[in-house]
Protein backbone atom coordinates (compact mmCIF):
# COMPACT_ATOMS: atom_id res chain seq x y z
CA MET A 1 99.59 76.42 130.51
CA SER A 2 96.46 76.03 132.73
CA SER A 3 93.41 75.53 130.71
CA ASN A 4 91.63 78.20 133.07
CA GLN A 5 94.24 80.90 132.52
CA SER A 6 92.95 83.52 129.99
CA PRO A 7 94.92 83.93 126.90
CA TYR A 8 95.13 87.70 127.42
CA SER A 9 96.78 87.41 131.02
CA TRP A 10 100.12 88.40 129.65
CA LEU A 11 98.89 91.76 128.87
CA GLU A 12 98.79 92.86 132.49
CA LYS A 13 102.20 91.64 133.16
CA SER A 14 103.57 93.56 129.93
CA LEU A 15 101.91 96.60 131.44
CA LEU A 16 103.40 96.42 134.55
CA THR A 17 106.79 96.05 132.69
CA ILE A 18 106.04 99.09 131.05
CA HIS A 19 105.04 101.06 134.21
CA ASN A 20 108.36 99.84 136.04
CA ALA A 21 110.62 101.25 133.50
CA ASN A 22 108.77 104.66 133.13
CA TRP A 23 107.89 103.86 129.66
CA TYR A 24 104.16 104.22 130.29
CA ARG A 25 102.02 106.60 128.50
CA SER A 26 98.59 107.90 128.61
CA VAL A 27 96.78 110.59 126.64
CA THR A 28 95.90 114.29 128.33
CA ALA A 29 92.92 116.08 127.05
CA ILE A 30 93.29 119.61 125.58
CA SER A 31 90.48 121.92 125.91
CA GLY A 32 89.37 124.41 123.23
CA LEU A 33 91.28 125.31 120.17
CA ASP A 34 94.84 124.16 119.64
CA GLY A 35 97.05 127.35 119.81
CA THR A 36 99.83 128.94 121.96
CA VAL A 37 97.85 128.80 125.17
CA VAL A 38 95.70 125.88 126.00
CA GLU A 39 93.68 124.25 128.63
CA LEU A 40 95.29 121.18 129.96
CA SER A 41 93.95 118.95 133.03
CA GLY A 42 92.15 122.14 134.30
CA LEU A 43 95.23 124.35 133.95
CA THR A 44 96.22 127.06 131.77
CA ALA A 45 99.40 126.32 129.93
CA ILE A 46 101.67 127.72 127.18
CA ASN A 47 101.77 125.00 124.54
CA PHE A 48 105.31 123.57 123.23
CA ALA A 49 103.86 120.41 122.57
CA SER A 50 102.25 121.11 119.22
CA ASN A 51 103.25 120.23 115.60
CA ASN A 52 101.11 123.38 114.68
CA TYR A 53 104.21 125.03 113.58
CA LEU A 54 102.34 128.04 111.80
CA GLY A 55 99.76 128.20 114.00
CA LEU A 56 97.10 127.32 111.52
CA ALA A 57 95.01 124.51 113.45
CA GLY A 58 92.81 127.25 114.96
CA ASP A 59 92.98 129.74 112.25
CA GLU A 60 89.58 130.99 111.33
CA ARG A 61 90.23 130.77 107.75
CA LEU A 62 91.07 127.26 107.96
CA ILE A 63 87.71 126.56 110.14
CA GLN A 64 85.51 128.43 107.69
CA ALA A 65 86.87 126.41 104.76
CA ALA A 66 86.19 123.22 106.52
CA VAL A 67 82.74 124.35 107.38
CA ALA A 68 81.84 125.46 104.04
CA ALA A 69 83.00 121.70 102.55
CA ILE A 70 80.98 119.92 105.00
CA GLN A 71 77.88 122.16 104.07
CA GLU A 72 78.49 121.32 100.47
CA TYR A 73 79.80 117.82 100.45
CA GLY A 74 78.76 116.13 103.81
CA THR A 75 80.90 114.99 106.81
CA GLY A 76 82.44 112.15 104.94
CA SER A 77 84.00 111.12 101.67
CA THR A 78 81.75 107.77 101.90
CA GLY A 79 84.23 105.38 100.06
CA SER A 80 87.42 104.79 98.35
CA ARG A 81 88.78 107.37 95.88
CA LEU A 82 88.25 104.93 93.20
CA LEU A 83 84.93 104.16 93.83
CA SER A 84 82.46 106.93 95.72
CA GLY A 85 84.84 108.80 97.31
CA HIS A 86 86.54 110.92 94.90
CA ARG A 87 85.81 114.85 95.09
CA GLN A 88 86.98 117.83 93.08
CA LEU A 89 88.26 119.02 96.43
CA HIS A 90 90.77 116.25 96.49
CA ARG A 91 92.02 117.02 92.92
CA GLU A 92 92.61 120.64 93.57
CA LEU A 93 94.36 119.76 96.84
CA GLU A 94 96.72 117.32 94.67
CA GLN A 95 97.34 119.85 92.16
CA GLU A 96 98.41 122.61 94.85
CA ILE A 97 100.51 120.09 96.46
CA ALA A 98 102.54 119.44 93.22
CA SER A 99 102.76 123.28 92.46
CA LEU A 100 104.25 124.01 95.98
CA LYS A 101 106.62 120.90 95.73
CA GLN A 102 107.31 121.92 92.17
CA THR A 103 106.82 118.23 91.04
CA GLU A 104 104.45 116.92 88.10
CA ASP A 105 101.99 115.27 90.15
CA SER A 106 100.91 114.62 93.78
CA ILE A 107 98.24 111.83 95.41
CA VAL A 108 96.67 112.43 98.81
CA PHE A 109 96.24 109.76 101.46
CA SER A 110 94.27 109.91 104.46
CA SER A 111 97.14 110.21 106.65
CA GLY A 112 100.93 110.51 106.40
CA TYR A 113 101.67 107.15 108.06
CA LEU A 114 99.34 105.65 105.35
CA ALA A 115 101.38 107.43 102.66
CA ASN A 116 104.35 105.80 103.87
CA LEU A 117 102.95 102.53 104.46
CA GLY A 118 101.50 102.36 100.77
CA THR A 119 104.04 103.86 99.07
CA ILE A 120 107.11 101.55 100.17
CA SER A 121 105.16 98.54 99.93
CA ALA A 122 103.90 99.27 96.44
CA ILE A 123 107.34 100.12 94.76
CA VAL A 124 109.54 97.43 96.31
CA GLY A 125 109.11 93.91 97.21
CA GLN A 126 111.01 90.51 98.00
CA LYS A 127 113.58 90.86 95.34
CA ASP A 128 114.55 94.46 96.56
CA LEU A 129 116.62 96.20 99.23
CA ILE A 130 115.79 99.04 101.31
CA LEU A 131 118.43 101.14 103.15
CA GLY A 132 116.85 103.46 105.87
CA ASP A 133 118.31 105.85 108.52
CA LEU A 134 118.43 104.36 111.88
CA TYR A 135 116.44 107.23 113.24
CA ASN A 136 113.55 107.12 110.62
CA HIS A 137 110.07 107.61 111.63
CA SER A 138 107.91 104.42 112.31
CA SER A 139 105.83 104.84 109.43
CA LEU A 140 109.10 104.37 107.31
CA LYS A 141 110.03 101.53 109.24
CA LYS A 142 106.77 99.63 109.10
CA GLY A 143 106.45 100.40 105.60
CA ALA A 144 109.94 98.81 104.79
CA LYS A 145 108.87 95.67 106.82
CA LEU A 146 105.47 95.39 105.20
CA SER A 147 107.07 95.55 101.82
CA GLY A 148 108.84 92.29 102.15
CA ALA A 149 112.23 93.78 100.84
CA THR A 150 115.49 93.03 102.73
CA VAL A 151 115.91 95.96 105.09
CA ILE A 152 119.08 97.46 106.37
CA ASP A 153 119.78 100.32 108.71
CA TYR A 154 122.61 102.88 108.22
CA LEU A 155 123.85 104.90 110.79
CA HIS A 156 121.90 108.24 111.41
CA CYS A 157 122.76 110.64 108.72
CA ASP A 158 126.07 108.88 107.93
CA VAL A 159 126.37 108.72 103.96
CA ASN A 160 129.65 107.12 104.29
CA ASP A 161 128.15 104.16 106.23
CA LEU A 162 125.09 104.27 103.83
CA GLU A 163 127.80 104.06 100.89
CA GLN A 164 129.82 101.15 102.19
CA LYS A 165 126.39 98.98 102.75
CA LEU A 166 125.38 99.88 99.18
CA LEU A 167 128.72 99.08 97.83
CA GLN A 168 128.39 95.58 99.85
CA HIS A 169 124.59 94.81 98.99
CA ARG A 170 123.38 96.68 96.03
CA SER A 171 124.31 94.21 93.20
CA GLN A 172 122.48 91.56 94.86
CA TYR A 173 119.04 93.19 94.54
CA ARG A 174 116.79 93.99 91.51
CA ARG A 175 115.66 97.57 92.70
CA CYS A 176 116.94 99.60 95.92
CA LEU A 177 115.19 102.21 97.93
CA ILE A 178 116.88 104.64 100.33
CA THR A 179 114.45 106.14 102.77
CA THR A 180 115.14 108.97 105.20
CA ASP A 181 113.20 111.65 107.12
CA SER A 182 114.12 115.11 106.15
CA VAL A 183 113.58 116.73 109.51
CA PHE A 184 113.91 113.83 112.22
CA SER A 185 110.92 114.47 114.53
CA MET A 186 112.59 113.50 117.85
CA ASP A 187 116.15 115.41 117.25
CA GLY A 188 115.12 118.32 115.21
CA ASP A 189 118.01 117.83 112.92
CA LEU A 190 118.26 117.41 108.75
CA CYS A 191 119.45 114.64 106.68
CA PRO A 192 122.16 115.31 104.46
CA LEU A 193 119.77 115.65 101.24
CA PRO A 194 122.20 116.95 98.53
CA ASP A 195 124.87 113.84 99.28
CA LEU A 196 121.68 111.16 99.47
CA ILE A 197 120.71 112.44 95.98
CA ALA A 198 124.13 112.15 94.45
CA LEU A 199 124.56 108.69 96.00
CA ALA A 200 121.19 107.44 95.00
CA SER A 201 122.03 108.68 91.50
CA GLU A 202 125.26 106.89 91.49
CA MET A 203 124.07 103.62 92.73
CA ASN A 204 120.89 103.45 90.62
CA CYS A 205 118.47 103.73 93.83
CA MET A 206 115.43 105.29 94.33
CA LEU A 207 115.17 107.82 97.36
CA LEU A 208 112.06 108.50 99.48
CA LEU A 209 112.26 111.56 101.68
CA ASP A 210 109.47 112.00 104.43
CA GLU A 211 108.98 116.00 104.47
CA ALA A 212 106.41 115.60 107.54
CA HIS A 213 108.14 118.28 109.61
CA ALA A 214 109.51 120.37 106.80
CA THR A 215 106.37 120.96 104.77
CA GLY A 216 105.44 124.69 105.29
CA VAL A 217 108.52 125.33 107.42
CA MET A 218 111.69 124.83 105.50
CA GLY A 219 112.80 126.48 102.32
CA THR A 220 111.90 129.95 101.13
CA THR A 221 108.35 129.31 100.24
CA GLY A 222 108.09 126.40 102.50
CA ALA A 223 107.96 123.74 100.03
CA GLY A 224 110.38 121.75 102.65
CA CYS A 225 114.13 120.64 102.84
CA VAL A 226 114.19 119.73 99.00
CA GLU A 227 113.77 123.65 98.41
CA HIS A 228 116.00 124.62 101.47
CA PHE A 229 118.95 122.54 100.15
CA ASN A 230 118.39 123.85 96.64
CA CYS A 231 117.38 120.30 95.37
CA THR A 232 113.97 121.21 93.64
CA GLY A 233 113.60 119.14 90.32
CA ALA A 234 115.86 116.36 91.70
CA GLU A 235 114.52 112.81 90.94
CA LEU A 236 113.22 111.58 94.17
CA ILE A 237 109.97 110.77 96.13
CA GLN A 238 108.68 113.27 98.41
CA ILE A 239 105.96 112.23 100.96
CA GLY A 240 104.59 114.43 103.63
CA THR A 241 101.66 115.43 106.18
CA LEU A 242 98.83 117.87 106.08
CA SER A 243 98.55 117.54 109.78
CA LYS A 244 101.53 119.59 111.11
CA ALA A 245 102.27 122.90 109.43
CA LEU A 246 99.23 122.71 107.47
CA GLY A 247 96.87 122.31 110.27
CA SER A 248 94.70 119.71 108.88
CA LEU A 249 94.90 115.59 108.45
CA GLY A 250 96.09 113.47 105.86
CA GLY A 251 99.19 112.71 103.84
CA TYR A 252 100.50 113.35 100.29
CA VAL A 253 103.16 111.83 97.97
CA ALA A 254 104.59 114.10 95.19
CA GLY A 255 106.82 113.15 92.36
CA ASN A 256 106.74 112.49 88.81
CA ALA A 257 103.57 111.56 87.05
CA HIS A 258 104.44 107.72 86.53
CA LEU A 259 104.89 107.47 89.85
CA ILE A 260 101.80 109.09 91.09
CA ASP A 261 99.80 106.99 88.35
CA PHE A 262 101.36 104.06 89.64
CA LEU A 263 100.16 104.63 93.18
CA ARG A 264 96.76 105.12 92.23
CA ASN A 265 96.72 101.53 90.97
CA ARG A 266 98.91 99.63 93.42
CA ALA A 267 98.97 101.60 97.00
CA ALA A 268 96.59 99.50 98.99
CA THR A 269 96.52 102.09 101.46
CA TRP A 270 95.23 104.54 99.23
CA ILE A 271 92.90 102.11 97.04
CA TYR A 272 91.11 100.62 100.23
CA THR A 273 90.94 103.39 102.27
CA THR A 274 88.04 105.96 102.56
CA GLY A 275 89.06 109.40 100.82
CA LEU A 276 90.11 112.18 102.75
CA SER A 277 87.24 114.01 104.27
CA PRO A 278 85.81 117.21 102.57
CA ALA A 279 86.56 119.41 105.83
CA ASP A 280 90.41 118.04 106.16
CA THR A 281 90.74 118.72 102.21
CA ALA A 282 89.46 122.15 102.23
CA ALA A 283 91.35 123.12 105.38
CA ALA A 284 94.55 122.02 103.89
CA LEU A 285 93.68 123.84 100.42
CA ALA A 286 93.23 127.23 102.81
CA ALA A 287 96.67 126.29 104.60
CA ILE A 288 98.75 126.43 101.42
CA GLU A 289 96.99 129.44 100.20
CA ILE A 290 97.98 131.11 103.47
CA ILE A 291 101.65 129.82 103.22
CA LYS A 292 101.89 131.26 99.76
CA SER A 293 100.33 134.60 100.38
CA GLU A 294 101.97 135.20 104.18
CA PRO A 295 105.61 134.39 104.10
CA GLU A 296 105.73 136.40 107.02
CA ARG A 297 104.45 133.81 109.15
CA LYS A 298 107.28 131.37 108.42
CA ASP A 299 109.53 134.40 109.29
CA LYS A 300 108.17 134.84 112.65
CA LEU A 301 108.51 131.20 113.29
CA TRP A 302 112.17 131.23 112.64
CA ASN A 303 112.77 134.35 114.71
CA ASN A 304 111.26 132.36 117.64
CA ILE A 305 113.34 129.21 116.87
CA ASN A 306 116.60 131.43 116.92
CA TYR A 307 115.51 133.04 119.97
CA LEU A 308 115.02 130.01 121.97
CA LYS A 309 117.96 128.09 120.68
CA ASP A 310 120.04 131.11 122.01
CA LYS A 311 118.71 131.28 125.23
CA LEU A 312 118.27 127.55 126.31
CA PRO A 313 121.10 125.62 128.13
CA GLN A 314 123.60 124.72 125.31
CA ASP A 315 125.41 121.98 126.88
CA ASN A 316 122.00 119.57 126.79
CA LEU A 317 120.71 120.97 123.63
CA LEU A 318 120.72 118.48 120.51
CA PRO A 319 121.91 119.88 117.32
CA SER A 320 118.75 121.48 115.49
CA GLU A 321 117.94 123.14 112.20
CA SER A 322 114.02 123.11 112.76
CA PRO A 323 111.34 123.92 115.07
CA ILE A 324 111.99 120.93 117.26
CA ILE A 325 114.42 121.71 120.24
CA CYS A 326 115.31 119.08 122.43
CA LEU A 327 116.93 118.97 125.84
CA VAL A 328 118.65 115.71 126.45
CA LEU A 329 118.26 114.31 130.08
CA ASP A 330 119.92 111.32 131.90
CA ALA A 331 116.89 109.46 132.62
CA PRO A 332 113.35 108.86 131.96
CA GLU A 333 112.14 109.57 135.40
CA THR A 334 114.10 112.99 135.05
CA ALA A 335 112.49 113.67 131.93
CA LEU A 336 109.07 112.99 133.43
CA THR A 337 109.70 115.13 136.75
CA ILE A 338 110.85 118.13 135.01
CA ALA A 339 107.91 117.97 132.55
CA ASP A 340 105.68 117.84 135.35
CA LYS A 341 107.17 120.95 137.03
CA LEU A 342 106.86 122.92 134.10
CA GLN A 343 103.31 122.01 133.46
CA GLN A 344 102.82 123.33 137.27
CA ALA A 345 104.69 126.37 136.15
CA GLY A 346 102.27 126.93 133.22
CA ILE A 347 104.29 125.10 130.35
CA PHE A 348 103.25 122.18 128.34
CA ALA A 349 106.18 120.26 127.03
CA PRO A 350 106.35 116.52 126.67
CA ALA A 351 108.95 114.22 128.20
CA ILE A 352 110.10 111.83 125.41
CA ARG A 353 111.35 108.49 126.49
CA PRO A 354 112.58 105.05 125.32
CA PRO A 355 111.65 103.02 123.43
CA THR A 356 110.43 106.15 121.30
CA VAL A 357 114.00 107.54 121.43
CA PRO A 358 117.45 106.13 122.63
CA THR A 359 118.01 108.86 125.14
CA SER A 360 115.02 110.74 127.23
CA ARG A 361 114.61 114.57 126.62
CA LEU A 362 112.14 117.17 126.70
CA ARG A 363 110.77 118.17 123.24
CA PHE A 364 109.86 121.86 122.54
CA SER A 365 107.97 122.56 119.44
CA VAL A 366 107.91 126.29 118.30
CA MET A 367 105.33 127.88 116.70
CA ALA A 368 104.80 131.08 114.66
CA THR A 369 102.19 132.44 117.10
CA HIS A 370 104.41 132.15 120.34
CA GLN A 371 104.89 135.62 121.69
CA LEU A 372 108.01 136.67 123.10
CA GLU A 373 106.44 136.31 126.68
CA HIS A 374 105.83 132.84 125.97
CA LEU A 375 109.28 132.11 125.02
CA GLU A 376 110.85 134.01 128.02
CA LYS A 377 108.45 132.26 130.40
CA LEU A 378 109.95 128.94 129.27
CA VAL A 379 113.54 130.21 129.37
CA ASN A 380 113.26 131.28 133.08
CA SER A 381 111.17 128.42 134.44
CA LEU A 382 113.56 126.01 132.97
CA SER A 383 116.25 127.75 134.50
CA THR A 384 114.69 127.83 137.70
CA ILE A 385 113.62 123.98 137.61
CA LEU A 386 117.23 123.04 136.50
């Protein structure tokens, strides 16, 4: 290498490769409150790109709760929860999450990503084994790598493949952790939770379930897939986020009291991170109260989901049991072209491409606050473009 060549020169070449593969990504600014209709690059568009499933991110009650918390506590928590960063609001939120999930306790992190990194790396190490679903979220995969444990993927939602890998490898390790999303964020399908719980029990494994896209959405009370599958009370580790259906920011872990106490003492991403801001904490508290008091909001969401699933082209749809509906396409450039034409027609729906997913697709996120005319416009516009 020439001594005159910058050690950063490889970046430009790598970016060119990303561009040539149609994998390049950039941010798009949305103006105003997040809702069913947004201002996007000067255009008004119906929003099918948001994880704001219950439409709470722009709800006036969450806004007022956040404002009141800022006025009382200030804008930041100012330190780690173990030092100066703990507020009574944090504990109230943890108790409300535990109540919603019907677990002994919970602990709140500053993001769902941090919750997964911190929990996985705290409960397993170099002497241990992790078996993760092939389609797991990045935070589960990165947490597994960070832990230093041996990591083996099992085929997506394939309990037989998981069982065979456990029979082959489990006896060689001290502890074993099975990890999975409950709702897979780029496909919309659900993990086979009852079978996973039974297998984890049989093979003496811990089971970690990421409920990020299920909390507030799945189950009779919105507690998630554990409730949806009638598995409430089962021994497992539930992780989730406050940033999707709950309309705020942050993450949580819910489980038995010993687990939560252990994480307070060993989860580095909780110990060495500033506590969740007062505004985010208060907004999440307000969201949980709304979920409990307004079940009709979730019912409206499912009415919208079922309408779209019935009207969109069936041949290209991935199987989905959630608010995430994906239309599979043949190439990244096809996905980009259709997404651009939809945006010109007044519909915001992102093109999802490799390496995020194995096959390119359009991803539609449904909200409780979408009106019938919004759904009809998507169906009609997509029909015209295709």
